[in-house]
């Protein structure tokens, strides 16, 4: 079975697609520049956010795990009948 396209046809199409790609890249260049400028402004905040998130996780996660494990143990022991929260009026259905 012969190929639908000759090698020359495929080469020509390759270069047509390359030209289309170059036009597209040129068209979106202003948008790309805005995108890159915004990302550059965000970089310092992103680094600070990563630091704060790590600090939060280091403090919060172990204590939350401890609290949630104890709550789960008590809930299982009570067959999940923990009742209403003290000091809070139950919602009417």
C-alpha atoms as a PDB file:
ATOM      1  CA  UNK A   1       0.000   0.000   0.000  1.00  0.00           C
ATOM      2  CA  UNK A   2       1.474   3.308  -1.048  1.00  0.00           C
ATOM      3  CA  UNK A   3       1.636   6.279   1.305  1.00  0.00           C
ATOM      4  CA  UNK A   4      -0.957   8.978   0.773  1.00  0.00           C
ATOM      5  CA  UNK A   5       1.715  11.651   0.957  1.00  0.00           C
ATOM      6  CA  UNK A   6       5.095  11.711  -0.638  1.00  0.00           C
ATOM      7  CA  UNK A   7       8.117  12.720   1.410  1.00  0.00           C
ATOM      8  CA  UNK A   8       8.158  16.014  -0.451  1.00  0.00           C
ATOM      9  CA  UNK A   9       4.485  16.652   0.461  1.00  0.00           C
ATOM     10  CA  UNK A  10       5.264  15.886   4.096  1.00  0.00           C
ATOM     11  CA  UNK A  11       8.286  18.226   4.078  1.00  0.00           C
ATOM     12  CA  UNK A  12       6.182  20.996   2.580  1.00  0.00           C
ATOM     13  CA  UNK A  13       3.457  20.462   5.208  1.00  0.00           C
ATOM     14  CA  UNK A  14       6.092  20.452   7.960  1.00  0.00           C
ATOM     15  CA  UNK A  15       7.294  23.901   6.899  1.00  0.00           C
ATOM     16  CA  UNK A  16       3.721  25.185   6.513  1.00  0.00           C
ATOM     17  CA  UNK A  17       3.012  24.124  10.082  1.00  0.00           C
ATOM     18  CA  UNK A  18       6.255  25.735  11.232  1.00  0.00           C
ATOM     19  CA  UNK A  19       5.178  29.031   9.667  1.00  0.00           C
ATOM     20  CA  UNK A  20       1.744  28.778  11.334  1.00  0.00           C
ATOM     21  CA  UNK A  21       3.407  28.118  14.669  1.00  0.00           C
ATOM     22  CA  UNK A  22       5.666  31.159  14.281  1.00  0.00           C
ATOM     23  CA  UNK A  23       2.640  33.354  13.526  1.00  0.00           C
ATOM     24  CA  UNK A  24       0.831  32.034  16.596  1.00  0.00           C
ATOM     25  CA  UNK A  25       3.854  32.596  18.847  1.00  0.00           C
ATOM     26  CA  UNK A  26       4.121  36.177  17.549  1.00  0.00           C
ATOM     27  CA  UNK A  27       0.381  36.780  18.097  1.00  0.00           C
ATOM     28  CA  UNK A  28       0.469  35.666  21.711  1.00  0.00           C
ATOM     29  CA  UNK A  29       3.780  37.368  22.557  1.00  0.00           C
ATOM     30  CA  UNK A  30       2.100  40.354  24.308  1.00  0.00           C
ATOM     31  CA  UNK A  31      -0.067  38.022  26.387  1.00  0.00           C
ATOM     32  CA  UNK A  32       2.963  35.851  27.168  1.00  0.00           C
ATOM     33  CA  UNK A  33       4.868  38.981  28.274  1.00  0.00           C
ATOM     34  CA  UNK A  34       2.027  39.995  30.627  1.00  0.00           C
ATOM     35  CA  UNK A  35       1.886  36.454  31.991  1.00  0.00           C
ATOM     36  CA  UNK A  36       5.625  36.394  32.626  1.00  0.00           C
ATOM     37  CA  UNK A  37       5.548  39.831  34.290  1.00  0.00           C
ATOM     38  CA  UNK A  38       2.790  38.744  36.666  1.00  0.00           C
ATOM     39  CA  UNK A  39       4.661  35.545  37.527  1.00  0.00           C
ATOM     40  CA  UNK A  40       7.795  37.582  38.250  1.00  0.00           C
ATOM     41  CA  UNK A  41       5.805  39.769  40.666  1.00  0.00           C
ATOM     42  CA  UNK A  42       4.394  36.667  42.342  1.00  0.00           C
ATOM     43  CA  UNK A  43       7.729  34.908  42.854  1.00  0.00           C
ATOM     44  CA  UNK A  44       8.671  36.632  46.146  1.00  0.00           C
ATOM     45  CA  UNK A  45       5.190  36.047  47.543  1.00  0.00           C
ATOM     46  CA  UNK A  46       5.280  32.437  46.391  1.00  0.00           C
ATOM     47  CA  UNK A  47       8.537  31.858  48.274  1.00  0.00           C
ATOM     48  CA  UNK A  48       7.073  33.462  51.400  1.00  0.00           C
ATOM     49  CA  UNK A  49       3.912  31.390  51.055  1.00  0.00           C
ATOM     50  CA  UNK A  50       5.944  28.181  50.870  1.00  0.00           C
ATOM     51  CA  UNK A  51       7.763  29.125  54.086  1.00  0.00           C
ATOM     52  CA  UNK A  52       4.548  29.997  55.931  1.00  0.00           C
ATOM     53  CA  UNK A  53       2.823  26.841  54.705  1.00  0.00           C
ATOM     54  CA  UNK A  54       5.703  24.686  55.952  1.00  0.00           C
ATOM     55  CA  UNK A  55       5.559  26.425  59.339  1.00  0.00           C
ATOM     56  CA  UNK A  56       1.790  25.962  59.536  1.00  0.00           C
ATOM     57  CA  UNK A  57       2.010  22.287  58.642  1.00  0.00           C
ATOM     58  CA  UNK A  58       4.795  21.679  61.167  1.00  0.00           C
ATOM     59  CA  UNK A  59       2.712  23.133  63.995  1.00  0.00           C
ATOM     60  CA  UNK A  60      -0.815  22.201  62.978  1.00  0.00           C
ATOM     61  CA  UNK A  61      -0.599  18.725  61.481  1.00  0.00           C
ATOM     62  CA  UNK A  62       0.752  16.754  64.461  1.00  0.00           C
ATOM     63  CA  UNK A  63      -1.678  18.355  66.898  1.00  0.00           C
ATOM     64  CA  UNK A  64      -4.664  17.949  64.562  1.00  0.00           C
ATOM     65  CA  UNK A  65      -3.785  14.293  64.060  1.00  0.00           C
ATOM     66  CA  UNK A  66      -3.606  13.780  67.817  1.00  0.00           C
ATOM     67  CA  UNK A  67      -6.939  15.531  68.401  1.00  0.00           C
ATOM     68  CA  UNK A  68      -8.693  13.735  65.535  1.00  0.00           C
ATOM     69  CA  UNK A  69      -7.404  10.330  66.647  1.00  0.00           C
ATOM     70  CA  UNK A  70      -8.688  10.840  70.183  1.00  0.00           C
ATOM     71  CA  UNK A  71     -12.033  12.165  68.918  1.00  0.00           C
ATOM     72  CA  UNK A  72     -12.381   9.137  66.615  1.00  0.00           C
ATOM     73  CA  UNK A  73     -11.594   6.751  69.473  1.00  0.00           C
ATOM     74  CA  UNK A  74     -14.246   8.375  71.659  1.00  0.00           C
ATOM     75  CA  UNK A  75     -16.811   8.443  68.835  1.00  0.00           C
ATOM     76  CA  UNK A  76     -16.270   4.727  68.177  1.00  0.00           C
ATOM     77  CA  UNK A  77     -16.606   3.970  71.898  1.00  0.00           C
ATOM     78  CA  UNK A  78     -19.878   5.920  71.912  1.00  0.00           C
ATOM     79  CA  UNK A  79     -21.123   4.186  68.719  1.00  0.00           C
ATOM     80  CA  UNK A  80     -21.012   7.622  67.067  1.00  0.00           C
ATOM     81  CA  UNK A  81     -23.703   8.882  69.464  1.00  0.00           C
ATOM     82  CA  UNK A  82     -21.752  11.874  70.701  1.00  0.00           C
ATOM     83  CA  UNK A  83     -24.831  13.989  71.386  1.00  0.00           C
ATOM     84  CA  UNK A  84     -25.189  17.720  70.890  1.00  0.00           C
ATOM     85  CA  UNK A  85     -22.298  20.050  71.447  1.00  0.00           C
ATOM     86  CA  UNK A  86     -22.534  21.584  74.929  1.00  0.00           C
ATOM     87  CA  UNK A  87     -23.522  25.238  74.951  1.00  0.00           C
ATOM     88  CA  UNK A  88     -24.869  25.151  71.389  1.00  0.00           C
ATOM     89  CA  UNK A  89     -28.575  24.997  70.689  1.00  0.00           C
ATOM     90  CA  UNK A  90     -29.380  22.147  68.293  1.00  0.00           C
ATOM     91  CA  UNK A  91     -30.755  23.144  64.904  1.00  0.00           C
ATOM     92  CA  UNK A  92     -34.374  22.460  64.208  1.00  0.00           C
ATOM     93  CA  UNK A  93     -35.052  20.195  61.255  1.00  0.00           C
END
